[in-house]
Amino acid sequence: MSLERSEVEGIAQLARLKIEAADIDSYATGLNNILNLVDQMQAVDTTGVEPLANPLDAVQRLRVDEVTEANQRELFQTLAPQAEAGLYLVPKVIE
């Protein structure tokens, strides 16, 4: 796929970019190089290849999910400026 000068101008307009007329050809060349690379990558046969989340196939060590602090909800609600029925009341900020 090859981009023409008019297509680069259209892309720049859609992206709200101001490109000088003298630079359009270099942008077209750069975008065409990117599109050629994408075409090369799409041409690779990947049948039978498992997708990877990590190239090293590493797993993250997780700690045991256990409660380490006592529930202090009542204490914190007594410190709040306004609380009602277990909820913190805040002033309305959006009309």
Protein backbone atom coordinates (compact mmCIF):
# COMPACT_ATOMS: atom_id res chain seq x y z
CA MET A 1 0.00 0.00 0.00
CA SER A 2 1.32 3.40 -0.90
CA LEU A 3 0.01 6.74 0.30
CA GLU A 4 -0.27 9.64 -2.10
CA ARG A 5 0.34 13.27 -1.25
CA SER A 6 -3.39 14.03 -1.09
CA GLU A 7 -3.97 11.13 1.34
CA VAL A 8 -1.24 12.41 3.66
CA GLU A 9 -2.88 15.85 3.58
CA GLY A 10 -6.23 14.25 4.44
CA ILE A 11 -4.72 12.27 7.32
CA ALA A 12 -3.07 15.43 8.66
CA GLN A 13 -6.38 17.27 8.49
CA LEU A 14 -8.21 14.48 10.34
CA ALA A 15 -5.49 14.44 13.00
CA ARG A 16 -5.62 18.23 13.22
CA LEU A 17 -1.91 18.48 12.35
CA LYS A 18 -0.41 21.38 10.47
CA ILE A 19 2.14 20.07 8.00
CA GLU A 20 4.19 22.38 5.82
CA ALA A 21 3.79 21.71 2.09
CA ALA A 22 7.52 21.05 1.75
CA ASP A 23 7.36 18.30 4.41
CA ILE A 24 4.45 16.30 2.97
CA ASP A 25 6.67 14.10 0.80
CA SER A 26 8.88 13.12 3.75
CA TYR A 27 5.79 12.31 5.83
CA ALA A 28 4.45 10.19 2.96
CA THR A 29 7.75 8.30 2.79
CA GLY A 30 7.75 7.67 6.55
CA LEU A 31 4.13 6.51 6.60
CA ASN A 32 4.75 4.25 3.59
CA ASN A 33 7.72 2.68 5.38
CA ILE A 34 5.49 1.94 8.39
CA LEU A 35 2.77 0.44 6.19
CA ASN A 36 5.34 -1.71 4.38
CA LEU A 37 6.58 -3.04 7.73
CA VAL A 38 3.00 -3.88 8.74
CA ASP A 39 2.54 -5.73 5.44
CA GLN A 40 5.72 -7.73 6.09
CA MET A 41 4.55 -8.68 9.57
CA GLN A 42 1.12 -9.73 8.28
CA ALA A 43 2.78 -11.97 5.67
CA VAL A 44 4.40 -14.14 8.37
CA ASP A 45 2.69 -17.51 8.87
CA THR A 46 1.70 -17.75 12.54
CA THR A 47 -0.48 -20.86 12.43
CA GLY A 48 0.17 -23.03 15.46
CA VAL A 49 1.94 -20.27 17.39
CA GLU A 50 0.54 -19.74 20.87
CA PRO A 51 0.08 -16.09 21.90
CA LEU A 52 2.29 -14.94 24.76
CA ALA A 53 1.64 -12.40 27.48
CA ASN A 54 5.33 -12.46 28.41
CA PRO A 55 8.19 -13.58 26.15
CA LEU A 56 9.89 -15.26 29.09
CA ASP A 57 6.68 -17.13 30.02
CA ALA A 58 7.11 -15.81 33.56
CA VAL A 59 4.45 -15.79 36.22
CA GLN A 60 4.07 -13.27 38.99
CA ARG A 61 4.51 -14.44 42.55
CA LEU A 62 1.41 -13.55 44.54
CA ARG A 63 1.11 -13.28 48.29
CA VAL A 64 -1.70 -14.90 50.22
CA ASP A 65 -4.78 -12.68 50.34
CA GLU A 66 -5.41 -12.29 54.05
CA VAL A 67 -6.73 -9.54 56.33
CA THR A 68 -3.89 -7.79 58.17
CA GLU A 69 -5.76 -4.87 59.79
CA ALA A 70 -8.87 -4.62 61.91
CA ASN A 71 -11.99 -2.96 60.50
CA GLN A 72 -11.94 0.67 61.69
CA ARG A 73 -14.89 1.92 59.65
CA GLU A 74 -16.84 3.25 62.62
CA LEU A 75 -13.81 5.19 63.88
CA PHE A 76 -13.16 6.74 60.46
CA GLN A 77 -16.81 7.71 60.04
CA THR A 78 -16.79 9.50 63.37
CA LEU A 79 -13.85 11.56 62.09
CA ALA A 80 -15.62 12.45 58.81
CA PRO A 81 -17.39 15.83 58.52
CA GLN A 82 -20.63 14.10 57.46
CA ALA A 83 -21.60 10.45 57.40
CA GLU A 84 -24.96 8.73 57.28
CA ALA A 85 -25.99 5.06 57.17
CA GLY A 86 -22.39 3.93 56.70
CA LEU A 87 -21.75 6.33 53.80
CA TYR A 88 -19.62 9.45 53.58
CA LEU A 89 -21.62 12.50 52.54
CA VAL A 90 -19.84 14.93 50.21
CA PRO A 91 -20.99 18.24 48.73
CA LYS A 92 -22.48 18.20 45.25
CA VAL A 93 -19.88 19.38 42.73
CA ILE A 94 -21.77 18.97 39.44
CA GLU A 95 -24.94 20.90 38.70
